[in-house]
C-alpha cells in the first residue's frame, strides 16, 4: 500500500514541479492581452483556466479534504477578468501552494480512505488528490497549447532531457 508521504510527494511533483512550472513558463511568454484572449467562446482564456484550476484545487482539497469553507463560484472563473494581471494570478497560485501543502501535510492518513462529497461526487481522499493532479495536468496542456498558438514558440519543457533514451 502506498503511504501518505509518497502520495503527497507525487502530488507536489505533478502539480508544483510540473504543472506550476509549465504554467509559469507560459505566463512569461505571453502578454496581458493574450492572457485573456478567447480564441472562440468554447475555449477559455489562459487567465480563466488558471482561475479554474485554482478554484478546483481549493474546493477539492482545501474544502473537501481540509474542511475549509467552500466558497467557490465555478461560473465566475470563466467570466471576463481582464483587469487581473499576471502578477496577481501568480500570487493566487503561490498562496494556493502554501495552503495545499499545509492541508496535505496536516491531513491524517485515514483521510485518504474517507469518502468526501464534492460537487455532487462521492470520492475517497486518495481519489480527490488524483483528481486534482489530473485536473491540473489537463488544463496545463490547454494553457501550453494556447501559449504555442499565440507565440509560435516551443515551450522547452523537456530541453534538459533526452526523451528517446529509455535507459535514463
N, C-alpha and C. Protein backbone atom coordinates (compact mmCIF):
# COMPACT_ATOMS: atom_id res chain seq x y z
N UNK A 1 0.83 -1.18 0.00
CA UNK A 1 0.00 0.00 0.00
C UNK A 1 0.88 1.25 0.00
N UNK A 2 0.53 2.24 -0.82
CA UNK A 2 1.28 3.48 -0.91
C UNK A 2 0.98 4.31 0.33
N UNK A 3 2.00 4.88 0.90
CA UNK A 3 1.88 5.66 2.13
C UNK A 3 1.53 7.11 1.81
N UNK A 4 0.95 7.77 2.80
CA UNK A 4 0.56 9.17 2.68
C UNK A 4 1.71 10.04 2.17
N UNK A 5 2.91 9.84 2.70
CA UNK A 5 4.05 10.67 2.33
C UNK A 5 4.37 10.54 0.84
N UNK A 6 4.26 9.33 0.29
CA UNK A 6 4.53 9.14 -1.14
C UNK A 6 3.44 9.80 -1.99
N UNK A 7 2.22 9.72 -1.56
CA UNK A 7 1.11 10.35 -2.28
C UNK A 7 1.31 11.87 -2.31
N UNK A 8 1.65 12.45 -1.17
CA UNK A 8 1.89 13.89 -1.11
C UNK A 8 3.11 14.26 -1.95
N UNK A 9 4.14 13.46 -1.91
CA UNK A 9 5.33 13.70 -2.71
C UNK A 9 4.99 13.73 -4.20
N UNK A 10 4.20 12.77 -4.64
CA UNK A 10 3.80 12.73 -6.04
C UNK A 10 2.89 13.89 -6.41
N UNK A 11 2.02 14.29 -5.49
CA UNK A 11 1.17 15.47 -5.73
C UNK A 11 2.04 16.69 -5.96
N UNK A 12 3.01 16.91 -5.07
CA UNK A 12 3.89 18.07 -5.20
C UNK A 12 4.67 18.02 -6.50
N UNK A 13 5.15 16.84 -6.86
CA UNK A 13 5.91 16.68 -8.11
C UNK A 13 5.03 17.01 -9.32
N UNK A 14 3.85 16.40 -9.38
CA UNK A 14 3.00 16.57 -10.56
C UNK A 14 2.36 17.95 -10.65
N UNK A 15 1.93 18.49 -9.53
CA UNK A 15 1.25 19.80 -9.56
C UNK A 15 2.26 20.94 -9.52
N UNK A 16 3.16 20.95 -8.55
CA UNK A 16 4.05 22.10 -8.39
C UNK A 16 5.27 22.04 -9.30
N UNK A 17 5.95 20.90 -9.35
CA UNK A 17 7.15 20.81 -10.17
C UNK A 17 6.84 20.78 -11.66
N UNK A 18 5.72 20.16 -12.02
CA UNK A 18 5.38 20.05 -13.43
C UNK A 18 4.37 21.12 -13.85
N UNK A 19 3.13 21.04 -13.38
CA UNK A 19 2.09 21.96 -13.87
C UNK A 19 2.41 23.42 -13.55
N UNK A 20 2.69 23.73 -12.30
CA UNK A 20 3.00 25.12 -11.95
C UNK A 20 4.17 25.62 -12.79
N UNK A 21 5.24 24.84 -12.85
CA UNK A 21 6.42 25.24 -13.61
C UNK A 21 6.05 25.56 -15.06
N UNK A 22 5.25 24.71 -15.66
CA UNK A 22 4.86 24.91 -17.06
C UNK A 22 3.95 26.13 -17.22
N UNK A 23 3.03 26.31 -16.29
CA UNK A 23 2.16 27.49 -16.35
C UNK A 23 2.99 28.76 -16.23
N UNK A 24 3.99 28.77 -15.33
CA UNK A 24 4.84 29.95 -15.18
C UNK A 24 5.64 30.23 -16.44
N UNK A 25 6.12 29.18 -17.11
CA UNK A 25 6.81 29.37 -18.39
C UNK A 25 5.87 30.06 -19.38
N UNK A 26 4.64 29.56 -19.46
CA UNK A 26 3.66 30.15 -20.38
C UNK A 26 3.37 31.60 -20.03
N UNK A 27 3.20 31.88 -18.75
CA UNK A 27 2.92 33.26 -18.34
C UNK A 27 4.06 34.20 -18.70
N UNK A 28 5.29 33.70 -18.67
CA UNK A 28 6.44 34.53 -19.05
C UNK A 28 6.49 34.82 -20.54
N UNK A 29 5.86 33.97 -21.34
CA UNK A 29 5.91 34.13 -22.79
C UNK A 29 4.78 34.96 -23.37
N UNK A 30 3.67 35.07 -22.67
CA UNK A 30 2.52 35.79 -23.21
C UNK A 30 2.42 37.18 -22.59
N UNK A 31 1.67 38.05 -23.28
CA UNK A 31 1.43 39.38 -22.73
C UNK A 31 0.06 39.43 -22.06
N UNK A 32 -0.25 40.56 -21.43
CA UNK A 32 -1.51 40.67 -20.69
C UNK A 32 -2.74 40.53 -21.60
N UNK A 33 -2.63 40.97 -22.83
CA UNK A 33 -3.76 40.81 -23.76
C UNK A 33 -3.99 39.33 -24.07
N UNK A 34 -2.92 38.59 -24.33
CA UNK A 34 -3.03 37.16 -24.63
C UNK A 34 -3.53 36.36 -23.43
N UNK A 35 -3.28 36.84 -22.22
CA UNK A 35 -3.73 36.17 -21.01
C UNK A 35 -5.24 36.02 -20.98
N UNK A 36 -5.95 37.00 -21.55
CA UNK A 36 -7.42 36.99 -21.50
C UNK A 36 -8.06 36.86 -22.88
N UNK A 37 -7.27 36.46 -23.87
CA UNK A 37 -7.77 36.32 -25.24
C UNK A 37 -8.56 35.02 -25.40
N UNK A 38 -9.76 35.12 -25.92
CA UNK A 38 -10.58 33.93 -26.22
C UNK A 38 -10.49 33.65 -27.71
N UNK A 39 -10.01 32.46 -28.06
CA UNK A 39 -9.93 32.10 -29.48
C UNK A 39 -11.31 31.80 -30.04
N UNK A 40 -12.22 31.31 -29.20
CA UNK A 40 -13.64 31.17 -29.52
C UNK A 40 -14.40 30.99 -28.21
N UNK A 41 -15.72 31.11 -28.23
CA UNK A 41 -16.48 31.07 -26.98
C UNK A 41 -16.38 29.75 -26.21
N UNK A 42 -15.94 28.68 -26.85
CA UNK A 42 -15.86 27.38 -26.19
C UNK A 42 -14.48 27.07 -25.62
N UNK A 43 -13.52 27.98 -25.83
CA UNK A 43 -12.17 27.78 -25.34
C UNK A 43 -11.86 28.89 -24.34
N UNK A 44 -11.74 28.54 -23.07
CA UNK A 44 -11.46 29.57 -22.06
C UNK A 44 -10.09 30.21 -22.28
N UNK A 45 -9.98 31.45 -21.87
CA UNK A 45 -8.70 32.16 -21.92
C UNK A 45 -7.73 31.55 -20.91
N UNK A 46 -6.45 31.78 -21.12
CA UNK A 46 -5.43 31.26 -20.21
C UNK A 46 -5.70 31.73 -18.78
N UNK A 47 -6.02 32.99 -18.62
CA UNK A 47 -6.31 33.51 -17.28
C UNK A 47 -7.48 32.79 -16.63
N UNK A 48 -8.52 32.51 -17.42
CA UNK A 48 -9.67 31.77 -16.89
C UNK A 48 -9.29 30.36 -16.49
N UNK A 49 -8.44 29.73 -17.28
CA UNK A 49 -8.00 28.37 -16.94
C UNK A 49 -7.22 28.35 -15.63
N UNK A 50 -6.41 29.37 -15.40
CA UNK A 50 -5.67 29.45 -14.15
C UNK A 50 -6.62 29.65 -12.97
N UNK A 51 -7.58 30.56 -13.13
CA UNK A 51 -8.59 30.74 -12.07
C UNK A 51 -9.34 29.44 -11.82
N UNK A 52 -9.61 28.71 -12.88
CA UNK A 52 -10.37 27.46 -12.78
C UNK A 52 -9.60 26.37 -12.04
N UNK A 53 -8.34 26.15 -12.38
CA UNK A 53 -7.59 25.11 -11.68
C UNK A 53 -7.38 25.47 -10.21
N UNK A 54 -7.22 26.75 -9.93
CA UNK A 54 -7.07 27.17 -8.53
C UNK A 54 -8.39 26.96 -7.77
N UNK A 55 -9.50 27.33 -8.39
CA UNK A 55 -10.80 27.12 -7.75
C UNK A 55 -11.08 25.66 -7.51
N UNK A 56 -10.73 24.82 -8.47
CA UNK A 56 -10.95 23.39 -8.33
C UNK A 56 -10.11 22.81 -7.20
N UNK A 57 -8.84 23.17 -7.13
CA UNK A 57 -7.96 22.64 -6.07
C UNK A 57 -8.41 23.12 -4.70
N UNK A 58 -8.84 24.39 -4.61
CA UNK A 58 -9.35 24.89 -3.33
C UNK A 58 -10.57 24.08 -2.90
N UNK A 59 -11.49 23.87 -3.84
CA UNK A 59 -12.73 23.16 -3.49
C UNK A 59 -12.46 21.71 -3.13
N UNK A 60 -11.68 21.02 -3.93
CA UNK A 60 -11.49 19.59 -3.75
C UNK A 60 -10.56 19.25 -2.59
N UNK A 61 -9.48 20.02 -2.42
CA UNK A 61 -8.54 19.67 -1.37
C UNK A 61 -8.73 20.52 -0.12
N UNK A 62 -8.71 21.85 -0.27
CA UNK A 62 -8.82 22.68 0.93
C UNK A 62 -10.16 22.49 1.62
N UNK A 63 -11.24 22.45 0.83
CA UNK A 63 -12.56 22.26 1.42
C UNK A 63 -12.90 20.79 1.58
N UNK A 64 -12.72 20.02 0.51
CA UNK A 64 -13.12 18.61 0.54
C UNK A 64 -12.38 17.77 1.54
N UNK A 65 -11.07 17.90 1.55
CA UNK A 65 -10.25 17.13 2.50
C UNK A 65 -9.98 17.95 3.76
N UNK A 66 -9.66 19.23 3.58
CA UNK A 66 -9.23 20.05 4.71
C UNK A 66 -10.34 20.64 5.55
N UNK A 67 -11.58 20.54 5.05
CA UNK A 67 -12.71 21.04 5.83
C UNK A 67 -12.85 22.55 5.86
N UNK A 68 -12.09 23.25 5.02
CA UNK A 68 -12.21 24.70 4.94
C UNK A 68 -13.55 25.06 4.29
N UNK A 69 -14.02 26.25 4.54
CA UNK A 69 -15.29 26.72 3.97
C UNK A 69 -15.19 26.70 2.43
N UNK A 70 -16.22 26.16 1.78
CA UNK A 70 -16.27 26.11 0.31
C UNK A 70 -17.06 27.31 -0.18
N UNK A 71 -16.33 28.28 -0.73
CA UNK A 71 -16.99 29.48 -1.26
C UNK A 71 -16.78 29.62 -2.76
N UNK A 72 -16.56 28.51 -3.43
CA UNK A 72 -16.27 28.54 -4.85
C UNK A 72 -17.51 28.90 -5.66
N UNK A 73 -17.31 29.79 -6.63
CA UNK A 73 -18.32 30.12 -7.64
C UNK A 73 -17.70 29.76 -8.98
N UNK A 74 -17.91 28.53 -9.40
CA UNK A 74 -17.24 27.99 -10.59
C UNK A 74 -17.52 28.83 -11.84
N UNK A 75 -18.75 29.28 -12.01
CA UNK A 75 -19.09 30.07 -13.19
C UNK A 75 -18.28 31.37 -13.27
N UNK A 76 -17.98 31.94 -12.11
CA UNK A 76 -17.21 33.18 -12.06
C UNK A 76 -15.80 33.00 -12.63
N UNK A 77 -15.27 31.79 -12.53
CA UNK A 77 -13.92 31.52 -13.04
C UNK A 77 -13.82 31.70 -14.55
N UNK A 78 -14.95 31.62 -15.23
CA UNK A 78 -14.94 31.69 -16.70
C UNK A 78 -15.44 33.02 -17.24
N UNK A 79 -15.70 33.97 -16.37
CA UNK A 79 -16.14 35.31 -16.80
C UNK A 79 -14.93 36.17 -17.14
N UNK A 80 -15.19 37.31 -17.78
CA UNK A 80 -14.12 38.22 -18.16
C UNK A 80 -13.47 38.82 -16.92
N UNK A 81 -12.18 38.62 -16.80
CA UNK A 81 -11.40 39.18 -15.69
C UNK A 81 -10.17 39.88 -16.23
N UNK A 82 -10.34 40.58 -17.34
CA UNK A 82 -9.19 41.19 -18.00
C UNK A 82 -8.51 42.26 -17.14
N UNK A 83 -9.11 42.63 -16.03
CA UNK A 83 -8.48 43.57 -15.12
C UNK A 83 -7.45 42.89 -14.21
N UNK A 84 -7.45 41.55 -14.19
CA UNK A 84 -6.49 40.80 -13.37
C UNK A 84 -5.20 40.62 -14.18
N UNK A 85 -4.09 40.98 -13.57
CA UNK A 85 -2.79 40.90 -14.23
C UNK A 85 -2.09 39.58 -13.90
N UNK A 86 -1.06 39.28 -14.68
CA UNK A 86 -0.30 38.04 -14.48
C UNK A 86 0.24 37.94 -13.06
N UNK A 87 0.76 39.03 -12.54
CA UNK A 87 1.34 39.01 -11.19
C UNK A 87 0.30 38.60 -10.16
N UNK A 88 -0.94 39.00 -10.35
CA UNK A 88 -1.99 38.64 -9.40
C UNK A 88 -2.32 37.14 -9.49
N UNK A 89 -2.28 36.59 -10.69
CA UNK A 89 -2.52 35.16 -10.86
C UNK A 89 -1.38 34.35 -10.24
N UNK A 90 -0.16 34.83 -10.40
CA UNK A 90 0.99 34.16 -9.78
C UNK A 90 0.85 34.19 -8.26
N UNK A 91 0.44 35.33 -7.71
CA UNK A 91 0.22 35.43 -6.27
C UNK A 91 -0.86 34.44 -5.83
N UNK A 92 -1.94 34.35 -6.59
CA UNK A 92 -3.02 33.40 -6.27
C UNK A 92 -2.50 31.97 -6.25
N UNK A 93 -1.69 31.60 -7.25
CA UNK A 93 -1.15 30.25 -7.32
C UNK A 93 -0.18 29.97 -6.18
N UNK A 94 0.65 30.94 -5.86
CA UNK A 94 1.61 30.72 -4.77
C UNK A 94 0.91 30.63 -3.42
N UNK A 95 -0.12 31.43 -3.21
CA UNK A 95 -0.91 31.34 -1.99
C UNK A 95 -1.59 29.97 -1.91
N UNK A 96 -2.12 29.52 -3.03
CA UNK A 96 -2.74 28.20 -3.07
C UNK A 96 -1.73 27.11 -2.73
N UNK A 97 -0.53 27.24 -3.27
CA UNK A 97 0.52 26.24 -2.99
C UNK A 97 0.75 26.10 -1.48
N UNK A 98 0.90 27.22 -0.81
CA UNK A 98 1.12 27.21 0.64
C UNK A 98 -0.03 26.51 1.35
N UNK A 99 -1.25 26.85 0.97
CA UNK A 99 -2.42 26.26 1.62
C UNK A 99 -2.59 24.78 1.31
N UNK A 100 -2.32 24.37 0.09
CA UNK A 100 -2.41 22.96 -0.27
C UNK A 100 -1.38 22.14 0.51
N UNK A 101 -0.15 22.63 0.57
CA UNK A 101 0.90 21.91 1.30
C UNK A 101 0.51 21.77 2.77
N UNK A 102 -0.01 22.84 3.34
CA UNK A 102 -0.40 22.78 4.75
C UNK A 102 -1.49 21.74 4.98
N UNK A 103 -2.55 21.77 4.16
CA UNK A 103 -3.65 20.81 4.34
C UNK A 103 -3.15 19.38 4.13
N UNK A 104 -2.38 19.15 3.09
CA UNK A 104 -1.90 17.79 2.82
C UNK A 104 -0.95 17.30 3.91
N UNK A 105 -0.05 18.15 4.37
CA UNK A 105 0.89 17.74 5.41
C UNK A 105 0.18 17.46 6.74
N UNK A 106 -0.86 18.22 7.05
CA UNK A 106 -1.59 18.05 8.31
C UNK A 106 -2.67 16.98 8.23
N UNK A 107 -2.96 16.51 7.04
CA UNK A 107 -4.02 15.52 6.83
C UNK A 107 -3.69 14.20 7.51
N UNK A 108 -4.57 13.70 8.37
CA UNK A 108 -4.35 12.36 8.93
C UNK A 108 -4.42 11.32 7.80
N UNK A 109 -3.60 10.31 7.89
CA UNK A 109 -3.54 9.29 6.83
C UNK A 109 -4.90 8.65 6.57
N UNK A 110 -5.75 8.53 7.59
CA UNK A 110 -7.06 7.90 7.38
C UNK A 110 -7.98 8.73 6.48
N UNK A 111 -7.67 10.02 6.26
CA UNK A 111 -8.46 10.86 5.35
C UNK A 111 -8.38 10.35 3.90
N UNK A 112 -7.31 9.61 3.59
CA UNK A 112 -7.17 9.08 2.24
C UNK A 112 -8.24 8.05 1.92
N UNK A 113 -8.74 7.38 2.94
CA UNK A 113 -9.78 6.36 2.73
C UNK A 113 -11.19 6.88 2.99
N UNK A 114 -11.31 8.01 3.66
CA UNK A 114 -12.63 8.57 3.94
C UNK A 114 -13.28 9.04 2.64
N UNK A 115 -14.60 9.00 2.62
CA UNK A 115 -15.36 9.48 1.47
C UNK A 115 -15.72 10.95 1.69
N UNK A 116 -15.46 11.75 0.68
CA UNK A 116 -15.72 13.18 0.71
C UNK A 116 -16.73 13.50 -0.39
N UNK A 117 -17.73 14.30 -0.07
CA UNK A 117 -18.76 14.69 -1.04
C UNK A 117 -18.38 16.07 -1.59
N UNK A 118 -18.05 16.12 -2.88
CA UNK A 118 -17.58 17.36 -3.52
C UNK A 118 -18.25 17.47 -4.89
N UNK A 119 -18.86 18.61 -5.17
CA UNK A 119 -19.52 18.87 -6.45
C UNK A 119 -20.49 17.75 -6.82
N UNK A 120 -21.11 17.14 -5.86
CA UNK A 120 -22.06 16.07 -6.13
C UNK A 120 -21.42 14.70 -6.31
N UNK A 121 -20.11 14.61 -6.17
CA UNK A 121 -19.40 13.35 -6.30
C UNK A 121 -19.00 12.84 -4.92
N UNK A 122 -19.01 11.55 -4.74
CA UNK A 122 -18.51 10.92 -3.51
C UNK A 122 -17.19 10.25 -3.85
N UNK A 123 -16.11 10.78 -3.28
CA UNK A 123 -14.77 10.32 -3.63
C UNK A 123 -13.94 10.10 -2.37
N UNK A 124 -13.06 9.11 -2.41
CA UNK A 124 -12.11 8.92 -1.32
C UNK A 124 -11.10 10.06 -1.35
N UNK A 125 -10.43 10.28 -0.23
CA UNK A 125 -9.39 11.30 -0.19
C UNK A 125 -8.30 11.05 -1.23
N UNK A 126 -7.95 9.77 -1.40
CA UNK A 126 -6.96 9.41 -2.42
C UNK A 126 -7.45 9.83 -3.81
N UNK A 127 -8.71 9.54 -4.10
CA UNK A 127 -9.29 9.91 -5.39
C UNK A 127 -9.34 11.42 -5.58
N UNK A 128 -9.60 12.15 -4.51
CA UNK A 128 -9.62 13.61 -4.57
C UNK A 128 -8.25 14.13 -5.00
N UNK A 129 -7.21 13.59 -4.41
CA UNK A 129 -5.85 14.02 -4.74
C UNK A 129 -5.51 13.68 -6.19
N UNK A 130 -5.87 12.49 -6.62
CA UNK A 130 -5.64 12.11 -8.03
C UNK A 130 -6.41 13.03 -8.97
N UNK A 131 -7.65 13.34 -8.60
CA UNK A 131 -8.47 14.24 -9.42
C UNK A 131 -7.77 15.59 -9.62
N UNK A 132 -7.24 16.16 -8.55
CA UNK A 132 -6.61 17.48 -8.66
C UNK A 132 -5.34 17.41 -9.50
N UNK A 133 -4.57 16.35 -9.35
CA UNK A 133 -3.39 16.17 -10.19
C UNK A 133 -3.80 16.11 -11.66
N UNK A 134 -4.78 15.28 -11.95
CA UNK A 134 -5.25 15.11 -13.33
C UNK A 134 -5.83 16.41 -13.87
N UNK A 135 -6.60 17.10 -13.06
CA UNK A 135 -7.25 18.34 -13.48
C UNK A 135 -6.20 19.41 -13.82
N UNK A 136 -5.19 19.54 -12.98
CA UNK A 136 -4.10 20.48 -13.26
C UNK A 136 -3.39 20.10 -14.56
N UNK A 137 -3.09 18.83 -14.73
CA UNK A 137 -2.38 18.38 -15.92
C UNK A 137 -3.17 18.67 -17.19
N UNK A 138 -4.45 18.35 -17.15
CA UNK A 138 -5.32 18.56 -18.32
C UNK A 138 -5.33 20.03 -18.74
N UNK A 139 -5.58 20.91 -17.78
CA UNK A 139 -5.68 22.33 -18.12
C UNK A 139 -4.33 22.97 -18.37
N UNK A 140 -3.26 22.42 -17.79
CA UNK A 140 -1.92 22.91 -18.11
C UNK A 140 -1.62 22.63 -19.58
N UNK A 141 -2.08 21.49 -20.09
CA UNK A 141 -1.94 21.19 -21.52
C UNK A 141 -2.67 22.21 -22.38
N UNK A 142 -3.85 22.62 -21.95
CA UNK A 142 -4.60 23.64 -22.70
C UNK A 142 -3.85 24.97 -22.67
N UNK A 143 -3.34 25.34 -21.50
CA UNK A 143 -2.59 26.60 -21.37
C UNK A 143 -1.35 26.55 -22.26
N UNK A 144 -0.69 25.43 -22.30
CA UNK A 144 0.50 25.26 -23.14
C UNK A 144 0.16 25.39 -24.62
N UNK A 145 -0.91 24.75 -25.03
CA UNK A 145 -1.33 24.81 -26.44
C UNK A 145 -1.69 26.23 -26.83
N UNK A 146 -2.44 26.93 -25.98
CA UNK A 146 -2.80 28.32 -26.28
C UNK A 146 -1.55 29.20 -26.35
N UNK A 147 -0.60 28.97 -25.46
CA UNK A 147 0.64 29.75 -25.48
C UNK A 147 1.39 29.52 -26.78
N UNK A 148 1.48 28.28 -27.22
CA UNK A 148 2.14 27.99 -28.50
C UNK A 148 1.39 28.64 -29.65
N UNK A 149 0.07 28.62 -29.60
CA UNK A 149 -0.75 29.24 -30.64
C UNK A 149 -0.50 30.75 -30.70
N UNK A 150 -0.45 31.40 -29.55
CA UNK A 150 -0.29 32.85 -29.50
C UNK A 150 1.13 33.30 -29.82
N UNK A 151 2.12 32.51 -29.42
CA UNK A 151 3.51 32.97 -29.54
C UNK A 151 4.27 32.30 -30.68
N UNK A 152 3.82 31.13 -31.12
CA UNK A 152 4.57 30.40 -32.13
C UNK A 152 5.89 29.86 -31.61
N UNK A 153 6.02 29.77 -30.29
CA UNK A 153 7.28 29.34 -29.70
C UNK A 153 7.16 27.96 -29.08
N UNK A 154 8.28 27.23 -29.12
CA UNK A 154 8.41 25.97 -28.40
C UNK A 154 8.58 26.32 -26.93
N UNK A 155 7.97 25.56 -26.07
CA UNK A 155 7.98 25.89 -24.65
C UNK A 155 9.17 25.31 -23.90
N UNK A 156 9.83 24.31 -24.46
CA UNK A 156 11.07 23.80 -23.89
C UNK A 156 10.93 23.05 -22.59
N UNK A 157 9.79 22.45 -22.35
CA UNK A 157 9.57 21.74 -21.10
C UNK A 157 10.60 20.62 -20.87
N UNK A 158 11.06 20.01 -21.95
CA UNK A 158 11.95 18.85 -21.83
C UNK A 158 13.33 19.10 -22.45
N UNK A 159 13.71 20.34 -22.55
CA UNK A 159 15.01 20.65 -23.18
C UNK A 159 16.18 19.98 -22.48
N UNK A 160 16.09 19.78 -21.19
CA UNK A 160 17.21 19.20 -20.45
C UNK A 160 17.17 17.67 -20.42
N UNK A 161 16.22 17.06 -21.12
CA UNK A 161 16.06 15.60 -21.10
C UNK A 161 16.19 15.03 -22.50
N UNK A 162 16.75 13.83 -22.56
CA UNK A 162 16.74 13.07 -23.81
C UNK A 162 15.59 12.07 -23.69
N UNK A 163 14.45 12.41 -24.24
CA UNK A 163 13.25 11.58 -24.09
C UNK A 163 13.30 10.31 -24.93
N UNK A 164 14.30 10.20 -25.79
CA UNK A 164 14.44 8.99 -26.60
C UNK A 164 15.35 7.95 -25.96
N UNK A 165 16.02 8.31 -24.88
CA UNK A 165 16.91 7.39 -24.18
C UNK A 165 16.11 6.64 -23.11
N UNK A 166 15.80 5.39 -23.36
CA UNK A 166 14.94 4.63 -22.45
C UNK A 166 15.69 4.16 -21.20
N UNK A 167 17.01 4.29 -21.17
CA UNK A 167 17.80 3.82 -20.03
C UNK A 167 18.10 4.91 -19.00
N UNK A 168 17.67 6.13 -19.26
CA UNK A 168 17.98 7.22 -18.31
C UNK A 168 16.73 7.77 -17.72
